[in-house]
Amino acid sequence: MDIMRKPLVTHIYTADPSARVFEGRLYIYTSHDLDHNNLADDTGDQYDMEDYHVFSMENMHMLPVDHGQILHVKDVPWAKKQMWAPDAAFKNGTYYLFFPAKDDEGLFRIGVATSPSPAGPFMAQPSFIPGAFSIDPCAFIDEDGQTYLYFGGIWGGQLQKWRTGTFDPHGTEPDADAPALGPRVGKLSPDMLSFVGPVGEVSIVDQNGQPLLAGDSDRRYFEGVWVHKYNGIYYLSYSTGDTHFIVYATSNTPTGPFVYRGRILEPVSGWTTQHSIVEFQGRWYLFYHDASLSGGTDNKRCIKVAELFYTADGGIELVAP
């Protein structure tokens, strides 16, 4: 069965695929777009997701199996709405689901839920991770066992309102000729429920070591951070947002600075573009979403996959959706 670049799930709308390999299977954690006809705006209110699903695959020749709902907003004590892009990790014999949602004050926070099974269901912790904010968590476990949690997205993701370290409802992006905002990263404690030490900003620079500027919308960070490691090099990939590219940068350390290298994915149908990168059964894959299943409706998306190829110098070949 040829599943490449076709909707992997068609019975519900899915988005924000976070692909992980657990117990020899590929698991895809997704947000669940509801079949609502919402007006789009820059704060992302049209993305009114309430729960998460997880899908699994034995190999890349079969369609994913839906394991059903694994967490609903009503079962998260601190969360009120908008269960956006999640991620998952395994440590201490436990599976962890990291997810953003808005609290009672309308602030995006990042929570964590746990399960003994990668297929869930997951039980949420009573509160969000202290010091975590904004959206799009990505949990990366390095070879030494240290877990890093990356997160953050501008505009509706509110990262620009946290520039001072505390939430400023009037916070804005930097000027066009100032360094762009980068994602945040912190080391997680051994129990995966809190940060050890301060949360820092990830610097993304050009080939000359100069920070990418806020006005450089073809390259600057917007949202959707993902980190993976290939041949000893750390790859940070992300969405450029309003220019609709998935791009990547590389570093010799997990906290950067990361040097911008190029594009991975050209624009897809729909406004958002979000992805994950994973090695499975000896090959690398790019999971992403678009709005093709709904005919282009922004808040009704579907997940897809394409094989990913590296060049001899460690670059990533461009994928055309």
C-alpha atoms as a PDB file:
ATOM      1  CA  MET A   1       0.000   0.000   0.000  1.00  0.00           C
ATOM      2  CA  ASP A   2       1.369   3.414  -1.009  1.00  0.00           C
ATOM      3  CA  ILE A   3       0.572   5.757   1.867  1.00  0.00           C
ATOM      4  CA  MET A   4       3.106   8.474   1.091  1.00  0.00           C
ATOM      5  CA  ARG A   5       1.734  12.005   0.822  1.00  0.00           C
ATOM      6  CA  LYS A   6      -1.872  10.865   1.154  1.00  0.00           C
ATOM      7  CA  PRO A   7      -4.140  11.532   4.151  1.00  0.00           C
ATOM      8  CA  LEU A   8      -3.282   8.874   6.723  1.00  0.00           C
ATOM      9  CA  VAL A   9      -6.520   9.364   8.660  1.00  0.00           C
ATOM     10  CA  THR A  10      -9.832  10.172   6.979  1.00  0.00           C
ATOM     11  CA  HIS A  11     -12.553   9.358   9.527  1.00  0.00           C
ATOM     12  CA  ILE A  12     -11.723  12.409  11.672  1.00  0.00           C
ATOM     13  CA  TYR A  13      -9.719  15.589  11.124  1.00  0.00           C
ATOM     14  CA  THR A  14      -6.212  15.394  12.591  1.00  0.00           C
ATOM     15  CA  ALA A  15      -3.310  17.820  12.841  1.00  0.00           C
ATOM     16  CA  ASP A  16       0.081  18.462  14.470  1.00  0.00           C
ATOM     17  CA  PRO A  17       1.495  14.916  14.129  1.00  0.00           C
ATOM     18  CA  SER A  18       4.147  14.008  16.699  1.00  0.00           C
ATOM     19  CA  ALA A  19       5.643  10.700  15.575  1.00  0.00           C
ATOM     20  CA  ARG A  20       7.565   8.539  18.070  1.00  0.00           C
ATOM     21  CA  VAL A  21       8.794   4.950  18.060  1.00  0.00           C
ATOM     22  CA  PHE A  22       7.795   2.969  21.153  1.00  0.00           C
ATOM     23  CA  GLU A  23       7.949  -0.796  21.653  1.00  0.00           C
ATOM     24  CA  GLY A  24       8.873  -1.349  17.997  1.00  0.00           C
ATOM     25  CA  ARG A  25       5.805   0.483  16.649  1.00  0.00           C
ATOM     26  CA  LEU A  26       5.392   3.955  15.290  1.00  0.00           C
ATOM     27  CA  TYR A  27       2.958   6.059  17.349  1.00  0.00           C
ATOM     28  CA  ILE A  28       1.543   9.328  16.034  1.00  0.00           C
ATOM     29  CA  TYR A  29       0.113  11.728  18.620  1.00  0.00           C
ATOM     30  CA  THR A  30      -2.223  14.275  17.061  1.00  0.00           C
ATOM     31  CA  SER A  31      -4.523  17.084  17.923  1.00  0.00           C
ATOM     32  CA  HIS A  32      -8.113  16.532  16.792  1.00  0.00           C
ATOM     33  CA  ASP A  33      -9.723  19.202  14.649  1.00  0.00           C
ATOM     34  CA  LEU A  34     -13.457  19.426  15.195  1.00  0.00           C
ATOM     35  CA  ASP A  35     -15.885  19.687  12.296  1.00  0.00           C
ATOM     36  CA  HIS A  36     -16.745  23.280  13.144  1.00  0.00           C
ATOM     37  CA  ASN A  37     -17.085  26.182  10.725  1.00  0.00           C
ATOM     38  CA  ASN A  38     -15.090  28.806  12.593  1.00  0.00           C
ATOM     39  CA  LEU A  39     -13.937  32.231  11.448  1.00  0.00           C
ATOM     40  CA  ALA A  40     -10.143  32.484  11.207  1.00  0.00           C
ATOM     41  CA  ASP A  41      -8.177  35.150  13.076  1.00  0.00           C
ATOM     42  CA  ASP A  42      -4.563  35.864  14.096  1.00  0.00           C
ATOM     43  CA  THR A  43      -5.124  34.542  17.630  1.00  0.00           C
ATOM     44  CA  GLY A  44      -6.013  31.064  16.355  1.00  0.00           C
ATOM     45  CA  ASP A  45      -9.472  30.882  17.900  1.00  0.00           C
ATOM     46  CA  GLN A  46     -10.609  28.790  14.922  1.00  0.00           C
ATOM     47  CA  TYR A  47      -8.465  25.939  16.257  1.00  0.00           C
ATOM     48  CA  ASP A  48     -10.829  24.876  19.029  1.00  0.00           C
ATOM     49  CA  MET A  49      -9.567  21.327  19.618  1.00  0.00           C
ATOM     50  CA  GLU A  50     -10.711  19.565  22.795  1.00  0.00           C
ATOM     51  CA  ASP A  51      -8.858  16.254  22.853  1.00  0.00           C
ATOM     52  CA  TYR A  52      -5.981  14.123  21.548  1.00  0.00           C
ATOM     53  CA  HIS A  53      -5.856  10.857  19.624  1.00  0.00           C
ATOM     54  CA  VAL A  54      -2.969   8.471  19.088  1.00  0.00           C
ATOM     55  CA  PHE A  55      -2.463   6.234  16.064  1.00  0.00           C
ATOM     56  CA  SER A  56       0.040   3.421  15.570  1.00  0.00           C
ATOM     57  CA  MET A  57       1.668   1.624  12.644  1.00  0.00           C
ATOM     58  CA  GLU A  58       3.544  -1.697  12.521  1.00  0.00           C
ATOM     59  CA  ASN A  59       5.292  -0.617   9.317  1.00  0.00           C
ATOM     60  CA  MET A  60       5.102   2.024   6.605  1.00  0.00           C
ATOM     61  CA  HIS A  61       2.930  -0.116   4.320  1.00  0.00           C
ATOM     62  CA  MET A  62      -0.216   0.013   6.437  1.00  0.00           C
ATOM     63  CA  LEU A  63      -2.602   2.750   7.466  1.00  0.00           C
ATOM     64  CA  PRO A  64      -2.512   3.871  11.102  1.00  0.00           C
ATOM     65  CA  VAL A  65      -4.704   2.234  13.730  1.00  0.00           C
ATOM     66  CA  ASP A  66      -6.719   4.716  15.787  1.00  0.00           C
ATOM     67  CA  HIS A  67      -6.384   3.955  19.509  1.00  0.00           C
ATOM     68  CA  GLY A  68      -9.026   6.554  20.244  1.00  0.00           C
ATOM     69  CA  GLN A  69      -9.179   9.534  22.534  1.00  0.00           C
ATOM     70  CA  ILE A  70      -6.290   9.586  24.998  1.00  0.00           C
ATOM     71  CA  LEU A  71      -6.962  12.871  26.832  1.00  0.00           C
ATOM     72  CA  HIS A  72      -9.812  15.405  26.865  1.00  0.00           C
ATOM     73  CA  VAL A  73      -9.708  18.968  28.114  1.00  0.00           C
ATOM     74  CA  LYS A  74     -12.453  18.223  30.645  1.00  0.00           C
ATOM     75  CA  ASP A  75     -10.057  15.814  32.364  1.00  0.00           C
ATOM     76  CA  VAL A  76      -7.292  18.430  32.759  1.00  0.00           C
ATOM     77  CA  PRO A  77      -7.871  20.306  36.038  1.00  0.00           C
ATOM     78  CA  TRP A  78      -6.140  23.525  35.005  1.00  0.00           C
ATOM     79  CA  ALA A  79      -7.105  23.688  31.309  1.00  0.00           C
ATOM     80  CA  LYS A  80     -10.086  25.414  29.754  1.00  0.00           C
ATOM     81  CA  LYS A  81      -9.771  25.091  25.948  1.00  0.00           C
ATOM     82  CA  GLN A  82      -7.621  24.753  22.826  1.00  0.00           C
ATOM     83  CA  MET A  83      -5.689  21.502  23.116  1.00  0.00           C
ATOM     84  CA  TRP A  84      -3.086  22.300  20.469  1.00  0.00           C
ATOM     85  CA  ALA A  85      -0.008  20.377  19.226  1.00  0.00           C
ATOM     86  CA  PRO A  86       1.195  17.627  21.639  1.00  0.00           C
ATOM     87  CA  ASP A  87       4.308  15.465  21.965  1.00  0.00           C
ATOM     88  CA  ALA A  88       5.185  12.261  23.810  1.00  0.00           C
ATOM     89  CA  ALA A  89       8.215  10.662  25.475  1.00  0.00           C
ATOM     90  CA  PHE A  90       9.108   7.512  27.396  1.00  0.00           C
ATOM     91  CA  LYS A  91      11.185   7.452  30.576  1.00  0.00           C
ATOM     92  CA  ASN A  92      11.126   5.761  33.982  1.00  0.00           C
ATOM     93  CA  GLY A  93       8.833   3.041  32.636  1.00  0.00           C
ATOM     94  CA  THR A  94       6.181   5.691  31.978  1.00  0.00           C
ATOM     95  CA  TYR A  95       4.835   7.409  28.880  1.00  0.00           C
ATOM     96  CA  TYR A  96       4.518  11.182  29.076  1.00  0.00           C
ATOM     97  CA  LEU A  97       2.211  13.347  26.973  1.00  0.00           C
ATOM     98  CA  PHE A  98       3.176  17.026  26.812  1.00  0.00           C
ATOM     99  CA  PHE A  99       0.477  19.404  25.606  1.00  0.00           C
ATOM    100  CA  PRO A 100      -0.511  23.091  25.517  1.00  0.00           C
ATOM    101  CA  ALA A 101      -3.879  24.506  26.500  1.00  0.00           C
ATOM    102  CA  LYS A 102      -5.325  27.783  27.691  1.00  0.00           C
ATOM    103  CA  ASP A 103      -6.005  28.157  31.392  1.00  0.00           C
ATOM    104  CA  ASP A 104      -8.825  30.099  33.052  1.00  0.00           C
ATOM    105  CA  GLU A 105      -6.969  33.363  32.427  1.00  0.00           C
ATOM    106  CA  GLY A 106      -6.663  32.692  28.691  1.00  0.00           C
ATOM    107  CA  LEU A 107      -2.928  32.016  28.922  1.00  0.00           C
ATOM    108  CA  PHE A 108      -1.361  29.119  27.072  1.00  0.00           C
ATOM    109  CA  ARG A 109       0.469  26.791  29.438  1.00  0.00           C
ATOM    110  CA  ILE A 110       2.125  23.434  28.911  1.00  0.00           C
ATOM    111  CA  GLY A 111       0.934  20.437  30.868  1.00  0.00           C
ATOM    112  CA  VAL A 112       1.937  16.826  31.172  1.00  0.00           C
ATOM    113  CA  ALA A 113      -0.072  13.619  31.451  1.00  0.00           C
ATOM    114  CA  THR A 114       1.138  10.077  32.078  1.00  0.00           C
ATOM    115  CA  SER A 115       0.219   6.535  31.102  1.00  0.00           C
ATOM    116  CA  PRO A 116       1.671   3.032  31.449  1.00  0.00           C
ATOM    117  CA  SER A 117       0.926   2.480  27.738  1.00  0.00           C
ATOM    118  CA  PRO A 118       1.925   4.464  24.636  1.00  0.00           C
ATOM    119  CA  ALA A 119      -1.672   4.076  23.453  1.00  0.00           C
ATOM    120  CA  GLY A 120      -3.041   5.747  26.591  1.00  0.00           C
ATOM    121  CA  PRO A 121      -5.349   6.794  28.054  1.00  0.00           C
ATOM    122  CA  PHE A 122      -3.302   9.481  29.827  1.00  0.00           C
ATOM    123  CA  MET A 123      -3.941  11.057  33.218  1.00  0.00           C
ATOM    124  CA  ALA A 124      -3.128  14.748  33.527  1.00  0.00           C
ATOM    125  CA  GLN A 125      -1.117  16.233  36.354  1.00  0.00           C
ATOM    126  CA  PRO A 126      -3.125  18.634  38.541  1.00  0.00           C
ATOM    127  CA  SER A 127      -1.233  21.697  37.292  1.00  0.00           C
ATOM    128  CA  PHE A 128       0.850  22.791  34.320  1.00  0.00           C
ATOM    129  CA  ILE A 129       4.650  22.619  34.326  1.00  0.00           C
ATOM    130  CA  PRO A 130       5.967  25.540  36.415  1.00  0.00           C
ATOM    131  CA  GLY A 131       7.755  28.025  34.175  1.00  0.00           C
ATOM    132  CA  ALA A 132       6.270  26.620  30.957  1.00  0.00           C
ATOM    133  CA  PHE A 133       4.137  28.791  28.716  1.00  0.00           C
ATOM    134  CA  SER A 134       3.076  29.283  25.095  1.00  0.00           C
ATOM    135  CA  ILE A 135       2.597  26.264  22.781  1.00  0.00           C
ATOM    136  CA  ASP A 136       4.118  23.397  20.783  1.00  0.00           C
ATOM    137  CA  PRO A 137       6.139  21.328  23.264  1.00  0.00           C
ATOM    138  CA  CYS A 138       8.816  18.992  21.907  1.00  0.00           C
ATOM    139  CA  ALA A 139      10.505  16.549  24.290  1.00  0.00           C
ATOM    140  CA  PHE A 140      13.993  15.447  23.208  1.00  0.00           C
ATOM    141  CA  ILE A 141      15.866  12.816  25.217  1.00  0.00           C
ATOM    142  CA  ASP A 142      19.605  12.959  24.524  1.00  0.00           C
ATOM    143  CA  GLU A 143      21.960   9.994  24.571  1.00  0.00           C
ATOM    144  CA  ASP A 144      23.046  10.817  28.136  1.00  0.00           C
ATOM    145  CA  GLY A 145      19.438  10.498  29.316  1.00  0.00           C
ATOM    146  CA  GLN A 146      18.831  14.220  29.836  1.00  0.00           C
ATOM    147  CA  THR A 147      15.439  15.378  28.577  1.00  0.00           C
ATOM    148  CA  TYR A 148      15.035  18.812  27.033  1.00  0.00           C
ATOM    149  CA  LEU A 149      11.634  20.410  26.542  1.00  0.00           C
ATOM    150  CA  TYR A 150      11.407  22.931  23.692  1.00  0.00           C
ATOM    151  CA  PHE A 151       8.334  25.114  23.247  1.00  0.00           C
ATOM    152  CA  GLY A 152       6.940  28.414  22.014  1.00  0.00           C
ATOM    153  CA  GLY A 153       5.039  30.033  19.183  1.00  0.00           C
ATOM    154  CA  ILE A 154       4.346  33.673  18.306  1.00  0.00           C
ATOM    155  CA  TRP A 155       1.051  35.400  17.421  1.00  0.00           C
ATOM    156  CA  GLY A 156      -1.741  33.166  18.770  1.00  0.00           C
ATOM    157  CA  GLY A 157       0.873  31.126  20.633  1.00  0.00           C
ATOM    158  CA  GLN A 158       1.576  34.206  22.812  1.00  0.00           C
ATOM    159  CA  LEU A 159       5.392  33.853  22.890  1.00  0.00           C
ATOM    160  CA  GLN A 160       5.793  37.554  22.066  1.00  0.00           C
ATOM    161  CA  LYS A 161       3.909  38.362  25.271  1.00  0.00           C
ATOM    162  CA  TRP A 162       6.558  36.596  27.401  1.00  0.00           C
ATOM    163  CA  ARG A 163       9.606  38.590  26.270  1.00  0.00           C
ATOM    164  CA  THR A 164      10.198  40.018  29.743  1.00  0.00           C
ATOM    165  CA  GLY A 165       9.893  36.627  31.445  1.00  0.00           C
ATOM    166  CA  THR A 166       6.394  37.351  32.709  1.00  0.00           C
ATOM    167  CA  PHE A 167       3.185  37.639  30.722  1.00  0.00           C
ATOM    168  CA  ASP A 168       2.547  41.083  29.251  1.00  0.00           C
ATOM    169  CA  PRO A 169      -0.853  41.291  27.521  1.00  0.00           C
ATOM    170  CA  HIS A 170       0.504  44.151  25.409  1.00  0.00           C
ATOM    171  CA  GLY A 171       3.711  42.358  24.437  1.00  0.00           C
ATOM    172  CA  THR A 172       4.713  42.523  20.765  1.00  0.00           C
ATOM    173  CA  GLU A 173       7.255  40.963  18.432  1.00  0.00           C
ATOM    174  CA  PRO A 174      10.697  42.606  18.152  1.00  0.00           C
ATOM    175  CA  ASP A 175      11.213  45.277  15.500  1.00  0.00           C
ATOM    176  CA  ALA A 176      11.951  43.937  12.029  1.00  0.00           C
ATOM    177  CA  ASP A 177      15.686  44.754  12.291  1.00  0.00           C
ATOM    178  CA  ALA A 178      16.066  43.162  15.761  1.00  0.00           C
ATOM    179  CA  PRO A 179      16.830  39.491  16.461  1.00  0.00           C
ATOM    180  CA  ALA A 180      13.771  37.291  16.013  1.00  0.00           C
ATOM    181  CA  LEU A 181      12.266  35.466  18.951  1.00  0.00           C
ATOM    182  CA  GLY A 182      13.472  31.888  19.309  1.00  0.00           C
ATOM    183  CA  PRO A 183      11.827  28.886  20.929  1.00  0.00           C
ATOM    184  CA  ARG A 184      12.431  28.251  24.605  1.00  0.00           C
ATOM    185  CA  VAL A 185      14.239  25.237  26.041  1.00  0.00           C
ATOM    186  CA  GLY A 186      14.675  23.865  29.540  1.00  0.00           C
ATOM    187  CA  LYS A 187      16.088  20.722  31.093  1.00  0.00           C
ATOM    188  CA  LEU A 188      13.414  18.524  32.617  1.00  0.00           C
ATOM    189  CA  SER A 189      13.837  16.985  36.048  1.00  0.00           C
ATOM    190  CA  PRO A 190      14.278  13.179  36.284  1.00  0.00           C
ATOM    191  CA  ASP A 191      10.540  12.766  36.949  1.00  0.00           C
ATOM    192  CA  MET A 192       9.767  14.789  33.769  1.00  0.00           C
ATOM    193  CA  LEU A 193       7.362  17.087  35.637  1.00  0.00           C
ATOM    194  CA  SER A 194       9.392  20.254  36.204  1.00  0.00           C
ATOM    195  CA  PHE A 195      12.424  22.176  34.978  1.00  0.00           C
ATOM    196  CA  VAL A 196      15.890  21.934  36.465  1.00  0.00           C
ATOM    197  CA  GLY A 197      17.485  25.361  36.259  1.00  0.00           C
ATOM    198  CA  PRO A 198      16.367  28.286  34.117  1.00  0.00           C
ATOM    199  CA  VAL A 199      14.487  28.146  30.841  1.00  0.00           C
ATOM    200  CA  GLY A 200      16.488  29.762  28.041  1.00  0.00           C
ATOM    201  CA  GLU A 201      15.910  31.079  24.539  1.00  0.00           C
ATOM    202  CA  VAL A 202      17.310  29.160  21.579  1.00  0.00           C
ATOM    203  CA  SER A 203      19.336  31.340  19.229  1.00  0.00           C
ATOM    204  CA  ILE A 204      19.005  30.719  15.482  1.00  0.00           C
ATOM    205  CA  VAL A 205      21.762  32.350  13.433  1.00  0.00           C
ATOM    206  CA  ASP A 206      22.866  32.591   9.811  1.00  0.00           C
ATOM    207  CA  GLN A 207      26.044  31.132   8.307  1.00  0.00           C
ATOM    208  CA  ASN A 208      28.006  34.142   9.608  1.00  0.00           C
ATOM    209  CA  GLY A 209      26.788  33.678  13.169  1.00  0.00           C
ATOM    210  CA  GLN A 210      24.401  36.635  13.061  1.00  0.00           C
ATOM    211  CA  PRO A 211      20.933  36.168  14.597  1.00  0.00           C
ATOM    212  CA  LEU A 212      18.051  35.814  12.166  1.00  0.00           C
ATOM    213  CA  LEU A 213      16.009  39.000  12.273  1.00  0.00           C
ATOM    214  CA  ALA A 214      12.332  39.366  13.087  1.00  0.00           C
ATOM    215  CA  GLY A 215      11.708  40.824   9.629  1.00  0.00           C
ATOM    216  CA  ASP A 216      13.227  37.788   7.922  1.00  0.00           C
ATOM    217  CA  SER A 217       9.897  35.994   7.692  1.00  0.00           C
ATOM    218  CA  ASP A 218      11.170  33.370   5.231  1.00  0.00           C
ATOM    219  CA  ARG A 219      13.620  32.023   7.832  1.00  0.00           C
ATOM    220  CA  ARG A 220      12.753  33.261  11.324  1.00  0.00           C
ATOM    221  CA  TYR A 221      11.107  31.093  13.958  1.00  0.00           C
ATOM    222  CA  PHE A 222       7.321  31.187  14.257  1.00  0.00           C
ATOM    223  CA  GLU A 223       6.115  27.934  15.871  1.00  0.00           C
ATOM    224  CA  GLY A 224       6.209  24.144  15.661  1.00  0.00           C
ATOM    225  CA  VAL A 225       9.667  23.408  17.066  1.00  0.00           C
ATOM    226  CA  TRP A 226      11.040  19.880  16.637  1.00  0.00           C
ATOM    227  CA  VAL A 227      14.489  18.532  17.583  1.00  0.00           C
ATOM    228  CA  HIS A 228      16.102  15.316  16.428  1.00  0.00           C
ATOM    229  CA  LYS A 229      19.654  14.002  16.177  1.00  0.00           C
ATOM    230  CA  TYR A 230      21.376  12.540  13.112  1.00  0.00           C
ATOM    231  CA  ASN A 231      25.035  11.474  12.880  1.00  0.00           C
ATOM    232  CA  GLY A 232      25.863  13.303  16.116  1.00  0.00           C
ATOM    233  CA  ILE A 233      24.341  16.611  14.952  1.00  0.00           C
ATOM    234  CA  TYR A 234      21.300  18.256  16.519  1.00  0.00           C
ATOM    235  CA  TYR A 235      18.624  19.376  14.070  1.00  0.00           C
ATOM    236  CA  LEU A 236      16.110  22.050  15.046  1.00  0.00           C
ATOM    237  CA  SER A 237      13.221  22.357  12.604  1.00  0.00           C
ATOM    238  CA  TYR A 238      10.242  24.665  12.729  1.00  0.00           C
ATOM    239  CA  SER A 239       7.506  26.527  10.898  1.00  0.00           C
ATOM    240  CA  THR A 240       8.064  30.036   9.544  1.00  0.00           C
ATOM    241  CA  GLY A 241       4.355  30.704  10.066  1.00  0.00           C
ATOM    242  CA  ASP A 242       3.036  33.381   7.723  1.00  0.00           C
ATOM    243  CA  THR A 243       5.402  32.298   4.931  1.00  0.00           C
ATOM    244  CA  HIS A 244       4.406  28.648   5.395  1.00  0.00           C
ATOM    245  CA  PHE A 245       7.758  26.859   5.175  1.00  0.00           C
ATOM    246  CA  ILE A 246       9.199  24.115   7.357  1.00  0.00           C
ATOM    247  CA  VAL A 247      12.906  24.913   7.724  1.00  0.00           C
ATOM    248  CA  TYR A 248      15.848  23.601   9.742  1.00  0.00           C
ATOM    249  CA  ALA A 249      19.028  24.618  11.514  1.00  0.00           C
ATOM    250  CA  THR A 250      21.838  22.546  13.045  1.00  0.00           C
ATOM    251  CA  SER A 251      24.086  22.655  16.107  1.00  0.00           C
ATOM    252  CA  ASN A 252      26.696  20.629  17.966  1.00  0.00           C
ATOM    253  CA  THR A 253      24.744  21.096  21.214  1.00  0.00           C
ATOM    254  CA  PRO A 254      21.052  20.611  22.091  1.00  0.00           C
ATOM    255  CA  THR A 255      20.672  24.211  23.267  1.00  0.00           C
ATOM    256  CA  GLY A 256      22.337  25.909  20.301  1.00  0.00           C
ATOM    257  CA  PRO A 257      22.997  28.313  18.825  1.00  0.00           C
ATOM    258  CA  PHE A 258      21.592  26.633  15.723  1.00  0.00           C
ATOM    259  CA  VAL A 259      22.810  27.632  12.260  1.00  0.00           C
ATOM    260  CA  TYR A 260      20.099  28.011   9.640  1.00  0.00           C
ATOM    261  CA  ARG A 261      20.529  25.488   6.804  1.00  0.00           C
ATOM    262  CA  GLY A 262      17.461  25.616   4.570  1.00  0.00           C
ATOM    263  CA  ARG A 263      13.937  24.421   3.846  1.00  0.00           C
ATOM    264  CA  ILE A 264      12.500  20.958   4.424  1.00  0.00           C
ATOM    265  CA  LEU A 265       8.891  21.378   3.290  1.00  0.00           C
ATOM    266  CA  GLU A 266       7.281  23.768   0.837  1.00  0.00           C
ATOM    267  CA  PRO A 267       3.922  25.371   1.740  1.00  0.00           C
ATOM    268  CA  VAL A 268       0.935  23.037   2.116  1.00  0.00           C
ATOM    269  CA  SER A 269      -2.771  23.685   1.622  1.00  0.00           C
ATOM    270  CA  GLY A 270      -4.247  25.562   4.560  1.00  0.00           C
ATOM    271  CA  TRP A 271      -2.610  28.231   6.714  1.00  0.00           C
ATOM    272  CA  THR A 272      -0.693  26.232   9.297  1.00  0.00           C
ATOM    273  CA  THR A 273       2.188  23.857   8.726  1.00  0.00           C
ATOM    274  CA  GLN A 274       3.447  21.577  11.484  1.00  0.00           C
ATOM    275  CA  HIS A 275       5.637  18.496  11.486  1.00  0.00           C
ATOM    276  CA  SER A 276       7.776  15.875  13.191  1.00  0.00           C
ATOM    277  CA  ILE A 277      10.818  13.887  12.022  1.00  0.00           C
ATOM    278  CA  VAL A 278      11.481  10.297  13.068  1.00  0.00           C
ATOM    279  CA  GLU A 279      13.599   7.285  12.152  1.00  0.00           C
ATOM    280  CA  PHE A 280      11.620   4.061  11.839  1.00  0.00           C
ATOM    281  CA  GLN A 281      12.825   0.679  10.638  1.00  0.00           C
ATOM    282  CA  GLY A 282      16.005   2.146   9.193  1.00  0.00           C
ATOM    283  CA  ARG A 283      14.472   5.049   7.253  1.00  0.00           C
ATOM    284  CA  TRP A 284      13.658   8.645   8.086  1.00  0.00           C
ATOM    285  CA  TYR A 285      10.213  10.174   7.731  1.00  0.00           C
ATOM    286  CA  LEU A 286       8.640  13.604   7.791  1.00  0.00           C
ATOM    287  CA  PHE A 287       5.134  13.698   9.241  1.00  0.00           C
ATOM    288  CA  TYR A 288       3.135  16.848   8.521  1.00  0.00           C
ATOM    289  CA  HIS A 289      -0.405  18.051   7.997  1.00  0.00           C
ATOM    290  CA  ASP A 290      -2.355  19.977   5.431  1.00  0.00           C
ATOM    291  CA  ALA A 291      -5.994  20.866   4.741  1.00  0.00           C
ATOM    292  CA  SER A 292      -6.490  18.722   1.638  1.00  0.00           C
ATOM    293  CA  LEU A 293      -9.073  16.410   3.222  1.00  0.00           C
ATOM    294  CA  SER A 294     -11.439  19.341   3.837  1.00  0.00           C
ATOM    295  CA  GLY A 295     -10.694  21.140   0.588  1.00  0.00           C
ATOM    296  CA  GLY A 296      -8.518  23.773   2.225  1.00  0.00           C
ATOM    297  CA  THR A 297     -10.433  24.679   5.404  1.00  0.00           C
ATOM    298  CA  ASP A 298      -7.827  25.966   7.884  1.00  0.00           C
ATOM    299  CA  ASN A 299      -9.184  24.268  10.985  1.00  0.00           C
ATOM    300  CA  LYS A 300     -10.008  20.890   9.375  1.00  0.00           C
ATOM    301  CA  ARG A 301      -6.671  19.242   8.652  1.00  0.00           C
ATOM    302  CA  CYS A 302      -5.242  15.798   7.948  1.00  0.00           C
ATOM    303  CA  ILE A 303      -1.890  14.187   8.720  1.00  0.00           C
ATOM    304  CA  LYS A 304       0.472  12.922   6.006  1.00  0.00           C
ATOM    305  CA  VAL A 305       3.926  11.395   5.698  1.00  0.00           C
ATOM    306  CA  ALA A 306       6.828  11.568   3.244  1.00  0.00           C
ATOM    307  CA  GLU A 307      10.199   9.830   3.317  1.00  0.00           C
ATOM    308  CA  LEU A 308      13.073  12.134   4.275  1.00  0.00           C
ATOM    309  CA  PHE A 309      16.543  12.022   2.712  1.00  0.00           C
ATOM    310  CA  TYR A 310      19.844  13.498   3.890  1.00  0.00           C
ATOM    311  CA  THR A 311      22.645  14.783   1.680  1.00  0.00           C
ATOM    312  CA  ALA A 312      26.304  13.870   2.075  1.00  0.00           C
ATOM    313  CA  ASP A 313      27.028  17.065   4.024  1.00  0.00           C
ATOM    314  CA  GLY A 314      24.206  16.455   6.526  1.00  0.00           C
ATOM    315  CA  GLY A 315      21.648  18.585   4.753  1.00  0.00           C
ATOM    316  CA  ILE A 316      18.013  17.575   4.305  1.00  0.00           C
ATOM    317  CA  GLU A 317      16.508  17.314   0.851  1.00  0.00           C
ATOM    318  CA  LEU A 318      13.480  19.488   0.137  1.00  0.00           C
ATOM    319  CA  VAL A 319      10.069  17.788   0.226  1.00  0.00           C
ATOM    320  CA  ALA A 320       7.348  19.034  -2.115  1.00  0.00           C
ATOM    321  CA  PRO A 321       3.904  18.396  -0.609  1.00  0.00           C
END
